[in-house]
Amino acid sequence: MALTGCSLSVPLLGGEKMSLSIEDIIYPGYEKVIQGQGMTNAKGRRSDLRATFLVQFPVELTDQQRSEVYTILQHCTYH
């Protein structure tokens, strides 16, 4: 999911849930800002909710998994 994007159900502060679709590559410490869903500020307006992701990558891969990852990533361009 971290490399391919995903859809998540995010619990909001008021108790409701929001569906969140992420197209980016998610890395440890990745932050997604959800506008207007944070705490109410002194002016009575809702601030932004910031979700920080904790991502764990596998420590070991089988030969087949390693081959599949290589095949996927060999066409990527790094800047």
Protein backbone atom coordinates (compact mmCIF):
# COMPACT_ATOMS: atom_id res chain seq x y z
CA MET A 1 0.00 0.00 0.00
CA ALA A 2 2.81 2.42 0.81
CA LEU A 3 4.15 2.25 -2.74
CA THR A 4 0.90 2.00 -4.69
CA GLY A 5 -1.47 4.40 -2.92
CA CYS A 6 -4.58 3.43 -1.02
CA SER A 7 -7.95 4.44 0.41
CA LEU A 8 -8.36 4.66 4.16
CA SER A 9 -11.17 5.29 6.59
CA VAL A 10 -9.99 8.08 8.90
CA PRO A 11 -11.72 8.72 12.25
CA LEU A 12 -12.37 12.44 12.73
CA LEU A 13 -12.48 14.39 15.98
CA GLY A 14 -16.30 14.62 16.00
CA GLY A 15 -16.65 10.83 15.91
CA GLU A 16 -17.52 10.48 12.22
CA LYS A 17 -15.29 8.80 9.66
CA MET A 18 -13.96 10.15 6.38
CA SER A 19 -12.78 8.19 3.36
CA LEU A 20 -9.32 9.39 2.35
CA SER A 21 -7.73 8.45 -0.96
CA ILE A 22 -3.94 8.77 -1.24
CA GLU A 23 -2.17 8.56 -4.59
CA ASP A 24 1.29 9.49 -3.29
CA ILE A 25 4.02 7.10 -2.20
CA ILE A 26 3.74 6.94 1.57
CA TYR A 27 7.03 6.91 3.48
CA PRO A 28 7.79 6.91 7.23
CA GLY A 29 6.77 10.33 8.56
CA TYR A 30 4.59 11.16 5.52
CA GLU A 31 2.01 13.77 6.51
CA LYS A 32 -1.43 14.26 4.95
CA VAL A 33 -3.33 17.46 5.74
CA ILE A 34 -7.13 17.23 5.90
CA GLN A 35 -8.41 20.77 5.61
CA GLY A 36 -11.03 21.99 8.08
CA GLN A 37 -11.18 18.77 10.13
CA GLY A 38 -8.89 19.67 13.06
CA MET A 39 -9.52 21.35 16.40
CA THR A 40 -11.66 24.48 16.64
CA ASN A 41 -9.43 27.54 16.98
CA ALA A 42 -10.00 30.70 19.06
CA LYS A 43 -12.03 32.27 16.23
CA GLY A 44 -14.45 29.33 16.21
CA ARG A 45 -13.18 27.92 12.91
CA ARG A 46 -11.89 24.40 12.41
CA SER A 47 -8.17 24.12 11.82
CA ASP A 48 -6.57 21.44 9.64
CA LEU A 49 -6.09 17.87 10.80
CA ARG A 50 -2.61 16.50 10.15
CA ALA A 51 -2.21 12.74 9.86
CA THR A 52 1.34 11.39 10.14
CA PHE A 53 1.93 7.88 8.83
CA LEU A 54 4.01 5.21 10.53
CA VAL A 55 5.22 2.84 7.82
CA GLN A 56 7.02 -0.45 8.31
CA PHE A 57 8.78 -2.02 5.39
CA PRO A 58 9.67 -5.74 5.39
CA VAL A 59 13.11 -6.63 6.69
CA GLU A 60 13.40 -9.68 4.46
CA LEU A 61 12.08 -10.60 1.01
CA THR A 62 11.90 -13.96 -0.72
CA ASP A 63 13.70 -14.25 -4.04
CA GLN A 64 10.36 -14.04 -5.85
CA GLN A 65 9.33 -10.90 -3.92
CA ARG A 66 12.70 -9.29 -4.58
CA SER A 67 12.35 -10.06 -8.31
CA GLU A 68 8.84 -8.57 -8.40
CA VAL A 69 9.97 -5.40 -6.62
CA TYR A 70 12.90 -5.07 -9.01
CA THR A 71 10.60 -5.48 -12.02
CA ILE A 72 8.24 -2.79 -10.73
CA LEU A 73 10.94 -0.31 -9.76
CA GLN A 74 13.27 -0.65 -12.76
CA HIS A 75 11.04 1.68 -14.78
CA CYS A 76 10.93 4.41 -12.11
CA THR A 77 12.75 7.69 -12.58
CA TYR A 78 14.34 9.32 -9.53
CA HIS A 79 14.89 13.07 -9.39
